[in-house]
């Protein structure tokens, strides 16, 4: 799943545990692994050197491709946080021109759920860089739980499948939140 999907789902789940950012962060992490267990589409990172199909032997190859990956990942992360912020504004009916909105958002369960949803993927980068505990065990688990079908050629299927998951989760959460 993309960071946008993980962040948006984590934010929605954070809404259900409103007022408890630590629980929201934990639920976001759990949601990441649940979502990754569903067959889905990922975009390939260009700077990852796959020696074979075993994700545990992959490394980051130093090249200009890292810059492209960082831009893509940064935009993906930014979109996830933007959707979390939009959900926060919609749910709290906060005036976006209030100066205190940033502080409210920074301490909200919605933001911490989104950050928890995104958190396991940067841990993978830590594994690729350091390859020692606890990163090794976390990466083994991440690879083990991750659905085997990950790369598809159709961008429409990629966007549509993840958009569908987000819509379903947001629908269920908004129903439960009312």
C-alpha atoms as a PDB file:
ATOM      1  CA  UNK A   1       0.000   0.000   0.000  1.00  0.00           C
ATOM      2  CA  UNK A   2       1.108   3.575  -0.451  1.00  0.00           C
ATOM      3  CA  UNK A   3       1.892   5.854   2.475  1.00  0.00           C
ATOM      4  CA  UNK A   4      -1.168   7.882   1.487  1.00  0.00           C
ATOM      5  CA  UNK A   5      -3.393   4.839   1.978  1.00  0.00           C
ATOM      6  CA  UNK A   6      -1.690   3.808   5.216  1.00  0.00           C
ATOM      7  CA  UNK A   7      -1.871   7.359   6.579  1.00  0.00           C
ATOM      8  CA  UNK A   8      -5.505   7.908   5.636  1.00  0.00           C
ATOM      9  CA  UNK A   9      -6.650   4.590   7.098  1.00  0.00           C
ATOM     10  CA  UNK A  10      -4.567   5.191  10.243  1.00  0.00           C
ATOM     11  CA  UNK A  11      -6.122   8.661  10.597  1.00  0.00           C
ATOM     12  CA  UNK A  12      -9.620   7.257  10.235  1.00  0.00           C
ATOM     13  CA  UNK A  13      -8.936   4.611  12.874  1.00  0.00           C
ATOM     14  CA  UNK A  14      -7.375   7.270  15.104  1.00  0.00           C
ATOM     15  CA  UNK A  15     -10.715   9.029  15.000  1.00  0.00           C
ATOM     16  CA  UNK A  16     -12.290   6.019  16.709  1.00  0.00           C
ATOM     17  CA  UNK A  17      -9.928   6.331  19.688  1.00  0.00           C
ATOM     18  CA  UNK A  18     -10.219  10.098  19.921  1.00  0.00           C
ATOM     19  CA  UNK A  19      -8.313  11.583  22.828  1.00  0.00           C
ATOM     20  CA  UNK A  20      -5.815   8.717  23.019  1.00  0.00           C
ATOM     21  CA  UNK A  21      -2.893   9.478  20.671  1.00  0.00           C
ATOM     22  CA  UNK A  22      -0.708   6.601  21.934  1.00  0.00           C
ATOM     23  CA  UNK A  23      -3.489   4.083  21.302  1.00  0.00           C
ATOM     24  CA  UNK A  24      -4.152   5.725  17.918  1.00  0.00           C
ATOM     25  CA  UNK A  25      -0.467   5.360  16.983  1.00  0.00           C
ATOM     26  CA  UNK A  26      -0.561   1.681  18.006  1.00  0.00           C
ATOM     27  CA  UNK A  27      -3.783   1.041  16.070  1.00  0.00           C
ATOM     28  CA  UNK A  28      -2.216   2.785  13.072  1.00  0.00           C
ATOM     29  CA  UNK A  29       0.793   0.432  13.205  1.00  0.00           C
ATOM     30  CA  UNK A  30      -1.520  -2.574  13.449  1.00  0.00           C
ATOM     31  CA  UNK A  31      -3.586  -1.294  10.500  1.00  0.00           C
ATOM     32  CA  UNK A  32      -0.417  -1.022   8.411  1.00  0.00           C
ATOM     33  CA  UNK A  33       0.295  -4.728   8.732  1.00  0.00           C
ATOM     34  CA  UNK A  34      -3.345  -5.691   8.193  1.00  0.00           C
ATOM     35  CA  UNK A  35      -3.465  -3.612   4.990  1.00  0.00           C
ATOM     36  CA  UNK A  36      -0.152  -5.022   3.784  1.00  0.00           C
ATOM     37  CA  UNK A  37      -1.553  -8.548   4.146  1.00  0.00           C
ATOM     38  CA  UNK A  38      -4.229  -7.732   1.533  1.00  0.00           C
ATOM     39  CA  UNK A  39      -3.063  -8.239  -2.086  1.00  0.00           C
ATOM     40  CA  UNK A  40      -2.429  -4.753  -3.416  1.00  0.00           C
ATOM     41  CA  UNK A  41      -0.277  -2.635  -5.648  1.00  0.00           C
ATOM     42  CA  UNK A  42       2.946  -0.902  -4.603  1.00  0.00           C
ATOM     43  CA  UNK A  43       5.170   1.350  -6.610  1.00  0.00           C
ATOM     44  CA  UNK A  44       8.672  -0.009  -6.896  1.00  0.00           C
ATOM     45  CA  UNK A  45      11.489   1.964  -5.320  1.00  0.00           C
ATOM     46  CA  UNK A  46      14.101   2.636  -7.970  1.00  0.00           C
ATOM     47  CA  UNK A  47      17.042   2.757  -5.569  1.00  0.00           C
ATOM     48  CA  UNK A  48      16.407  -0.684  -4.046  1.00  0.00           C
ATOM     49  CA  UNK A  49      18.733  -3.335  -5.401  1.00  0.00           C
ATOM     50  CA  UNK A  50      16.916  -6.663  -5.360  1.00  0.00           C
ATOM     51  CA  UNK A  51      19.463  -9.429  -5.578  1.00  0.00           C
ATOM     52  CA  UNK A  52      16.625 -11.943  -5.966  1.00  0.00           C
ATOM     53  CA  UNK A  53      12.971 -12.228  -4.961  1.00  0.00           C
ATOM     54  CA  UNK A  54      13.933 -12.412  -1.271  1.00  0.00           C
ATOM     55  CA  UNK A  55      13.217  -8.973   0.192  1.00  0.00           C
ATOM     56  CA  UNK A  56      15.632  -9.655   3.061  1.00  0.00           C
ATOM     57  CA  UNK A  57      18.647  -9.505   0.727  1.00  0.00           C
ATOM     58  CA  UNK A  58      17.686  -6.177  -0.845  1.00  0.00           C
ATOM     59  CA  UNK A  59      19.922  -3.170  -0.335  1.00  0.00           C
ATOM     60  CA  UNK A  60      19.825   0.522  -1.175  1.00  0.00           C
ATOM     61  CA  UNK A  61      22.117   1.278  -4.097  1.00  0.00           C
ATOM     62  CA  UNK A  62      23.677   4.725  -3.905  1.00  0.00           C
ATOM     63  CA  UNK A  63      22.678   6.582  -7.050  1.00  0.00           C
ATOM     64  CA  UNK A  64      20.715   9.536  -8.340  1.00  0.00           C
ATOM     65  CA  UNK A  65      17.631   7.309  -8.162  1.00  0.00           C
ATOM     66  CA  UNK A  66      17.551   7.877  -4.399  1.00  0.00           C
ATOM     67  CA  UNK A  67      16.556  11.497  -5.056  1.00  0.00           C
ATOM     68  CA  UNK A  68      13.641  10.387  -7.238  1.00  0.00           C
ATOM     69  CA  UNK A  69      12.558   7.871  -4.585  1.00  0.00           C
ATOM     70  CA  UNK A  70      12.789  10.497  -1.828  1.00  0.00           C
ATOM     71  CA  UNK A  71      10.624  12.900  -3.821  1.00  0.00           C
ATOM     72  CA  UNK A  72       8.024  10.193  -4.524  1.00  0.00           C
ATOM     73  CA  UNK A  73       8.022   8.991  -0.913  1.00  0.00           C
ATOM     74  CA  UNK A  74       7.885  12.575   0.370  1.00  0.00           C
ATOM     75  CA  UNK A  75       4.861  13.384  -1.793  1.00  0.00           C
ATOM     76  CA  UNK A  76       3.201  10.119  -0.760  1.00  0.00           C
ATOM     77  CA  UNK A  77       3.800  10.925   2.942  1.00  0.00           C
ATOM     78  CA  UNK A  78       2.620  14.527   2.473  1.00  0.00           C
ATOM     79  CA  UNK A  79      -0.636  13.380   0.836  1.00  0.00           C
ATOM     80  CA  UNK A  80      -1.313  10.968   3.700  1.00  0.00           C
ATOM     81  CA  UNK A  81      -0.839  13.725   6.272  1.00  0.00           C
ATOM     82  CA  UNK A  82      -2.957  16.142   4.185  1.00  0.00           C
ATOM     83  CA  UNK A  83      -5.829  13.651   4.148  1.00  0.00           C
ATOM     84  CA  UNK A  84      -5.439  13.238   7.909  1.00  0.00           C
ATOM     85  CA  UNK A  85      -5.560  17.045   8.315  1.00  0.00           C
ATOM     86  CA  UNK A  86      -8.652  17.255   6.102  1.00  0.00           C
ATOM     87  CA  UNK A  87     -10.351  14.552   8.177  1.00  0.00           C
ATOM     88  CA  UNK A  88      -9.399  16.450  11.348  1.00  0.00           C
ATOM     89  CA  UNK A  89     -10.876  19.710  10.044  1.00  0.00           C
ATOM     90  CA  UNK A  90     -14.075  17.977   8.876  1.00  0.00           C
ATOM     91  CA  UNK A  91     -14.637  16.066  12.094  1.00  0.00           C
ATOM     92  CA  UNK A  92     -13.746  18.800  14.572  1.00  0.00           C
ATOM     93  CA  UNK A  93     -15.398  21.512  12.464  1.00  0.00           C
ATOM     94  CA  UNK A  94     -12.382  23.646  13.286  1.00  0.00           C
ATOM     95  CA  UNK A  95     -11.970  26.974  11.543  1.00  0.00           C
ATOM     96  CA  UNK A  96      -8.824  26.541   9.457  1.00  0.00           C
ATOM     97  CA  UNK A  97      -7.872  30.151  10.192  1.00  0.00           C
ATOM     98  CA  UNK A  98      -7.611  29.594  13.948  1.00  0.00           C
ATOM     99  CA  UNK A  99      -4.038  29.860  15.144  1.00  0.00           C
ATOM    100  CA  UNK A 100      -4.527  27.034  17.621  1.00  0.00           C
ATOM    101  CA  UNK A 101      -5.540  24.524  14.931  1.00  0.00           C
ATOM    102  CA  UNK A 102      -1.949  23.361  14.404  1.00  0.00           C
ATOM    103  CA  UNK A 103      -1.484  22.558  18.090  1.00  0.00           C
ATOM    104  CA  UNK A 104      -4.839  20.767  18.172  1.00  0.00           C
ATOM    105  CA  UNK A 105      -3.904  18.749  15.095  1.00  0.00           C
ATOM    106  CA  UNK A 106      -0.415  17.894  16.391  1.00  0.00           C
ATOM    107  CA  UNK A 107      -1.924  16.398  19.544  1.00  0.00           C
ATOM    108  CA  UNK A 108      -4.873  14.722  17.840  1.00  0.00           C
ATOM    109  CA  UNK A 109      -5.454  10.996  17.663  1.00  0.00           C
ATOM    110  CA  UNK A 110      -6.149  11.474  13.963  1.00  0.00           C
ATOM    111  CA  UNK A 111      -2.584  12.637  13.242  1.00  0.00           C
ATOM    112  CA  UNK A 112      -1.027   9.999  15.505  1.00  0.00           C
ATOM    113  CA  UNK A 113      -3.116   7.267  13.879  1.00  0.00           C
ATOM    114  CA  UNK A 114      -1.853   8.453  10.478  1.00  0.00           C
ATOM    115  CA  UNK A 115       1.760   8.500  11.673  1.00  0.00           C
ATOM    116  CA  UNK A 116       1.353   5.006  13.141  1.00  0.00           C
ATOM    117  CA  UNK A 117      -0.071   3.797   9.836  1.00  0.00           C
ATOM    118  CA  UNK A 118       2.985   5.116   8.010  1.00  0.00           C
ATOM    119  CA  UNK A 119       5.634   4.196  10.625  1.00  0.00           C
ATOM    120  CA  UNK A 120       6.462   0.582   9.596  1.00  0.00           C
ATOM    121  CA  UNK A 121       7.682   1.578   6.131  1.00  0.00           C
ATOM    122  CA  UNK A 122      10.508   3.862   7.359  1.00  0.00           C
ATOM    123  CA  UNK A 123      11.550   0.932   9.568  1.00  0.00           C
ATOM    124  CA  UNK A 124      12.166  -1.002   6.352  1.00  0.00           C
ATOM    125  CA  UNK A 125      14.574   1.684   5.191  1.00  0.00           C
ATOM    126  CA  UNK A 126      16.330   1.396   8.561  1.00  0.00           C
ATOM    127  CA  UNK A 127      16.720  -2.324   7.933  1.00  0.00           C
ATOM    128  CA  UNK A 128      18.160  -1.756   4.441  1.00  0.00           C
ATOM    129  CA  UNK A 129      20.709   0.657   5.914  1.00  0.00           C
ATOM    130  CA  UNK A 130      21.708  -1.099   9.145  1.00  0.00           C
ATOM    131  CA  UNK A 131      20.680  -4.806   8.971  1.00  0.00           C
ATOM    132  CA  UNK A 132      20.798  -5.413  12.726  1.00  0.00           C
ATOM    133  CA  UNK A 133      18.257  -5.908  15.513  1.00  0.00           C
ATOM    134  CA  UNK A 134      15.541  -4.820  16.090  1.00  0.00           C
ATOM    135  CA  UNK A 135      15.266  -3.838  12.413  1.00  0.00           C
ATOM    136  CA  UNK A 136      15.953  -7.386  11.209  1.00  0.00           C
ATOM    137  CA  UNK A 137      13.081  -8.928  13.188  1.00  0.00           C
ATOM    138  CA  UNK A 138      10.680  -6.155  12.200  1.00  0.00           C
ATOM    139  CA  UNK A 139      11.650  -6.597   8.534  1.00  0.00           C
ATOM    140  CA  UNK A 140      11.193 -10.385   8.719  1.00  0.00           C
ATOM    141  CA  UNK A 141       7.684  -9.816  10.070  1.00  0.00           C
ATOM    142  CA  UNK A 142       6.930  -7.134   7.471  1.00  0.00           C
ATOM    143  CA  UNK A 143       8.058  -9.393   4.615  1.00  0.00           C
ATOM    144  CA  UNK A 144       6.206 -12.378   6.079  1.00  0.00           C
ATOM    145  CA  UNK A 145       2.854 -10.575   6.440  1.00  0.00           C
ATOM    146  CA  UNK A 146       3.093  -8.657   3.159  1.00  0.00           C
ATOM    147  CA  UNK A 147       0.934 -10.007   0.339  1.00  0.00           C
ATOM    148  CA  UNK A 148       2.975 -11.669  -2.399  1.00  0.00           C
ATOM    149  CA  UNK A 149       1.246  -9.867  -5.281  1.00  0.00           C
ATOM    150  CA  UNK A 150       2.674  -6.364  -5.278  1.00  0.00           C
ATOM    151  CA  UNK A 151       3.590  -4.998  -8.686  1.00  0.00           C
ATOM    152  CA  UNK A 152       1.076  -4.419 -11.448  1.00  0.00           C
ATOM    153  CA  UNK A 153       1.407  -2.491 -14.650  1.00  0.00           C
ATOM    154  CA  UNK A 154      -1.957  -0.704 -14.595  1.00  0.00           C
ATOM    155  CA  UNK A 155      -1.890   2.595 -12.733  1.00  0.00           C
ATOM    156  CA  UNK A 156      -5.716   2.585 -12.804  1.00  0.00           C
ATOM    157  CA  UNK A 157      -5.841  -0.726 -10.933  1.00  0.00           C
ATOM    158  CA  UNK A 158      -3.198   0.574  -8.522  1.00  0.00           C
ATOM    159  CA  UNK A 159      -5.078   3.749  -7.698  1.00  0.00           C
ATOM    160  CA  UNK A 160      -8.528   2.166  -7.849  1.00  0.00           C
ATOM    161  CA  UNK A 161      -7.784  -0.703  -5.489  1.00  0.00           C
ATOM    162  CA  UNK A 162      -6.284   1.504  -2.806  1.00  0.00           C
ATOM    163  CA  UNK A 163      -8.922   4.189  -3.257  1.00  0.00           C
ATOM    164  CA  UNK A 164     -11.559   1.485  -2.815  1.00  0.00           C
ATOM    165  CA  UNK A 165      -9.971   0.332   0.448  1.00  0.00           C
ATOM    166  CA  UNK A 166      -9.788   3.907   1.742  1.00  0.00           C
ATOM    167  CA  UNK A 167     -13.423   4.616   0.821  1.00  0.00           C
ATOM    168  CA  UNK A 168     -14.634   1.443   2.551  1.00  0.00           C
ATOM    169  CA  UNK A 169     -12.612   2.145   5.725  1.00  0.00           C
ATOM    170  CA  UNK A 170     -13.698   5.799   5.829  1.00  0.00           C
ATOM    171  CA  UNK A 171     -17.321   4.730   5.313  1.00  0.00           C
ATOM    172  CA  UNK A 172     -17.209   2.203   8.134  1.00  0.00           C
ATOM    173  CA  UNK A 173     -15.373   4.567  10.492  1.00  0.00           C
ATOM    174  CA  UNK A 174     -17.711   7.505   9.844  1.00  0.00           C
ATOM    175  CA  UNK A 175     -20.677   5.198  10.419  1.00  0.00           C
ATOM    176  CA  UNK A 176     -19.209   3.988  13.720  1.00  0.00           C
ATOM    177  CA  UNK A 177     -18.145   7.505  14.766  1.00  0.00           C
ATOM    178  CA  UNK A 178     -21.632   9.000  14.492  1.00  0.00           C
END
